[in-house]
Amino acid sequence: MVVYTERICGYTVYKSGIAPVPFGVVLLDRHTGSAKIVVSSGFRLDYEQKQSYDFDVAADDCISGLHGAR
């Protein structure tokens, strides 16, 4: 794995289906690109109603302004 210093600005979450994705990604460290997935504001998870979610996450490149492969 190649890591470029301060190259990751954030992450974009892409939904796989038609339902909204109740998650966001919080960048913890721009140097390593480490992040955590969190439940978005206004959403509440109910595992009895929905047990799994399908979504993709792509890194946002600060230098090129492009998203990574998803």
C-alpha atoms as a PDB file:
ATOM      1  CA  MET A   1       0.000   0.000   0.000  1.00  0.00           C
ATOM      2  CA  VAL A   2       1.329   3.419  -0.965  1.00  0.00           C
ATOM      3  CA  VAL A   3       0.328   6.345   1.269  1.00  0.00           C
ATOM      4  CA  TYR A   4       0.848   9.927   0.129  1.00  0.00           C
ATOM      5  CA  THR A   5       1.136  12.552   2.867  1.00  0.00           C
ATOM      6  CA  GLU A   6      -2.016  14.675   3.221  1.00  0.00           C
ATOM      7  CA  ARG A   7      -3.458  13.361  -0.017  1.00  0.00           C
ATOM      8  CA  ILE A   8      -6.807  12.150   1.384  1.00  0.00           C
ATOM      9  CA  CYS A   9      -9.275  15.000   2.096  1.00  0.00           C
ATOM     10  CA  GLY A  10     -12.240  12.838   2.995  1.00  0.00           C
ATOM     11  CA  TYR A  11     -14.442  10.024   1.770  1.00  0.00           C
ATOM     12  CA  THR A  12     -17.625   9.783  -0.272  1.00  0.00           C
ATOM     13  CA  VAL A  13     -20.298   7.172   0.471  1.00  0.00           C
ATOM     14  CA  TYR A  14     -22.163   5.773  -2.543  1.00  0.00           C
ATOM     15  CA  LYS A  15     -25.415   3.893  -2.105  1.00  0.00           C
ATOM     16  CA  SER A  16     -25.906   0.585  -3.885  1.00  0.00           C
ATOM     17  CA  GLY A  17     -29.716   0.607  -3.925  1.00  0.00           C
ATOM     18  CA  ILE A  18     -32.494   3.168  -3.884  1.00  0.00           C
ATOM     19  CA  ALA A  19     -32.712   3.592  -0.106  1.00  0.00           C
ATOM     20  CA  PRO A  20     -30.574   6.310   1.491  1.00  0.00           C
ATOM     21  CA  VAL A  21     -27.395   5.162   3.221  1.00  0.00           C
ATOM     22  CA  PRO A  22     -27.539   6.043   6.931  1.00  0.00           C
ATOM     23  CA  PHE A  23     -23.761   6.232   7.230  1.00  0.00           C
ATOM     24  CA  GLY A  24     -21.035   8.780   6.733  1.00  0.00           C
ATOM     25  CA  VAL A  25     -17.266   8.584   6.933  1.00  0.00           C
ATOM     26  CA  VAL A  26     -15.196  10.745   9.279  1.00  0.00           C
ATOM     27  CA  LEU A  27     -11.563  11.247   8.307  1.00  0.00           C
ATOM     28  CA  LEU A  28      -9.371  10.752  11.382  1.00  0.00           C
ATOM     29  CA  ASP A  29      -5.887  11.295   9.929  1.00  0.00           C
ATOM     30  CA  ARG A  30      -5.032  12.893   6.567  1.00  0.00           C
ATOM     31  CA  HIS A  31      -1.513  11.490   6.697  1.00  0.00           C
ATOM     32  CA  THR A  32      -2.587   7.838   6.893  1.00  0.00           C
ATOM     33  CA  GLY A  33      -6.094   8.120   5.433  1.00  0.00           C
ATOM     34  CA  SER A  34      -7.569   6.378   8.476  1.00  0.00           C
ATOM     35  CA  ALA A  35     -11.258   6.997   9.020  1.00  0.00           C
ATOM     36  CA  LYS A  36     -14.315   5.632  10.779  1.00  0.00           C
ATOM     37  CA  ILE A  37     -17.825   4.923   9.551  1.00  0.00           C
ATOM     38  CA  VAL A  38     -20.527   6.612  11.642  1.00  0.00           C
ATOM     39  CA  VAL A  39     -24.330   6.737  11.626  1.00  0.00           C
ATOM     40  CA  SER A  40     -25.416   9.974   9.940  1.00  0.00           C
ATOM     41  CA  SER A  41     -27.375  12.611  11.804  1.00  0.00           C
ATOM     42  CA  GLY A  42     -31.122  11.998  11.710  1.00  0.00           C
ATOM     43  CA  PHE A  43     -30.837   8.229  11.201  1.00  0.00           C
ATOM     44  CA  ARG A  44     -31.522   5.477  13.706  1.00  0.00           C
ATOM     45  CA  LEU A  45     -30.554   1.878  12.999  1.00  0.00           C
ATOM     46  CA  ASP A  46     -33.117  -0.838  13.651  1.00  0.00           C
ATOM     47  CA  TYR A  47     -31.534  -4.257  13.141  1.00  0.00           C
ATOM     48  CA  GLU A  48     -34.861  -6.046  13.554  1.00  0.00           C
ATOM     49  CA  GLN A  49     -36.150  -4.175  10.507  1.00  0.00           C
ATOM     50  CA  LYS A  50     -32.959  -4.155   8.386  1.00  0.00           C
ATOM     51  CA  GLN A  51     -29.983  -6.372   9.189  1.00  0.00           C
ATOM     52  CA  SER A  52     -27.501  -5.234   6.527  1.00  0.00           C
ATOM     53  CA  TYR A  53     -26.633  -2.287   4.287  1.00  0.00           C
ATOM     54  CA  ASP A  54     -24.804  -2.260   0.961  1.00  0.00           C
ATOM     55  CA  PHE A  55     -22.728   0.774   0.057  1.00  0.00           C
ATOM     56  CA  ASP A  56     -19.365   1.753  -1.395  1.00  0.00           C
ATOM     57  CA  VAL A  57     -16.808   4.190  -0.016  1.00  0.00           C
ATOM     58  CA  ALA A  58     -14.250   6.077  -2.123  1.00  0.00           C
ATOM     59  CA  ALA A  59     -11.417   8.307  -0.935  1.00  0.00           C
ATOM     60  CA  ASP A  60     -11.383  11.966  -2.034  1.00  0.00           C
ATOM     61  CA  ASP A  61      -7.940  12.914  -3.377  1.00  0.00           C
ATOM     62  CA  CYS A  62      -6.878  16.437  -2.293  1.00  0.00           C
ATOM     63  CA  ILE A  63      -4.367  16.862  -5.106  1.00  0.00           C
ATOM     64  CA  SER A  64      -6.373  15.735  -8.150  1.00  0.00           C
ATOM     65  CA  GLY A  65      -9.832  16.450  -6.736  1.00  0.00           C
ATOM     66  CA  LEU A  66     -10.949  13.007  -7.914  1.00  0.00           C
ATOM     67  CA  HIS A  67     -12.519  10.093  -6.075  1.00  0.00           C
ATOM     68  CA  GLY A  68     -10.686   6.812  -5.747  1.00  0.00           C
ATOM     69  CA  ALA A  69     -12.013   3.600  -7.254  1.00  0.00           C
ATOM     70  CA  ARG A  70     -15.070   2.219  -5.538  1.00  0.00           C
END
